[in-house]
Structures are given as C-alpha cells and as structure tokens.
Amino acid sequence: MLIIPVKDGESIDRALKRYKRKFDKTGVVRQLRARQQFVKPSVTLRQAKLKAAHKQREASKEEQA
C-alpha cells in the first residue's frame, strides 16, 4: 500500500500527482497486464534477445555518428 503524506498547504492535485508517479514506478499495472495471458518462457527469452540486439544496433549507430 502506498502512503503519500500531504504536506501543509500542499494542494490535493499535487499530492495526487505524486501518488500517480509512485504507483507507475511500482509496475503493478504492467505486471497485471502481463499476467492476463500466459507467455511461454521461450517466447519471453526470444523477445529479450531481440530487444537487446535492437539496443545494441542503436548504440552502434550513435557511436558512428
């Protein structure tokens, strides 16, 4: 459970914004969406490898430029 202390004189909108930011960082929504459908470990590994290869290509492009 997230606890956001509201400081004296702080608007509710600002406190709500801090709450939303903290909530996004926890990754609850991302995890919930990922658990809605089973993904085989081999598919997860393949996606991770493709993502790493893409990052490496982008880094090499920036190095050359």
Protein backbone atom coordinates (compact mmCIF):
# COMPACT_ATOMS: atom_id res chain seq x y z
CA MET A 1 0.00 0.00 0.00
CA LEU A 2 1.34 3.39 -0.97
CA ILE A 3 1.32 6.13 1.60
CA ILE A 4 1.63 9.71 0.40
CA PRO A 5 1.92 12.25 3.22
CA VAL A 6 0.23 15.51 2.28
CA LYS A 7 2.23 18.48 3.48
CA ASP A 8 0.67 21.59 4.99
CA GLY A 9 -0.52 23.97 2.31
CA GLU A 10 0.01 21.40 -0.47
CA SER A 11 -2.81 21.08 -2.96
CA ILE A 12 -4.58 17.78 -3.42
CA ASP A 13 -3.76 17.85 -7.13
CA ARG A 14 -0.04 17.90 -6.38
CA ALA A 15 -0.33 15.06 -3.87
CA LEU A 16 -2.39 13.06 -6.37
CA LYS A 17 0.29 13.62 -9.00
CA ARG A 18 2.96 12.28 -6.60
CA TYR A 19 0.75 9.26 -5.88
CA LYS A 20 0.30 8.50 -9.57
CA ARG A 21 4.05 8.79 -10.17
CA LYS A 22 4.82 6.39 -7.30
CA PHE A 23 2.12 3.99 -8.50
CA ASP A 24 3.58 3.93 -12.02
CA LYS A 25 7.05 3.17 -10.64
CA THR A 26 5.77 0.10 -8.78
CA GLY A 27 4.77 -1.50 -12.09
CA VAL A 28 1.54 -3.02 -10.78
CA VAL A 29 -0.46 -2.29 -13.93
CA ARG A 30 2.27 -3.63 -16.23
CA GLN A 31 2.51 -6.82 -14.19
CA LEU A 32 -1.26 -7.25 -14.15
CA ARG A 33 -1.47 -6.93 -17.94
CA ALA A 34 1.39 -9.38 -18.38
CA ARG A 35 -0.35 -11.95 -16.20
CA GLN A 36 -3.62 -11.81 -18.10
CA GLN A 37 -2.19 -14.06 -20.78
CA PHE A 38 0.41 -16.81 -20.46
CA VAL A 39 3.58 -16.33 -22.50
CA LYS A 40 5.90 -19.26 -22.96
CA PRO A 41 9.40 -18.83 -21.50
CA SER A 42 10.93 -19.40 -24.93
CA VAL A 43 8.91 -16.51 -26.37
CA THR A 44 9.93 -14.25 -23.47
CA LEU A 45 13.59 -15.14 -24.00
CA ARG A 46 13.32 -14.52 -27.74
CA GLN A 47 11.75 -11.10 -27.15
CA ALA A 48 14.51 -10.20 -24.67
CA LYS A 49 17.19 -11.20 -27.19
CA LEU A 50 15.57 -9.16 -29.96
CA LYS A 51 15.29 -6.16 -27.67
CA ALA A 52 18.97 -6.46 -26.68
CA ALA A 53 20.02 -6.73 -30.32
CA HIS A 54 17.95 -3.66 -31.19
CA LYS A 55 19.52 -1.66 -28.35
CA GLN A 56 22.98 -2.72 -29.48
CA ARG A 57 22.29 -1.63 -33.07
CA GLU A 58 21.02 1.74 -31.90
CA ALA A 59 24.08 2.23 -29.69
CA SER A 60 26.43 1.38 -32.55
CA LYS A 61 24.61 3.84 -34.84
CA GLU A 62 25.05 6.62 -32.29
CA GLU A 63 28.73 5.70 -31.90
CA GLN A 64 29.34 6.01 -35.63
CA ALA A 65 27.55 9.35 -35.93
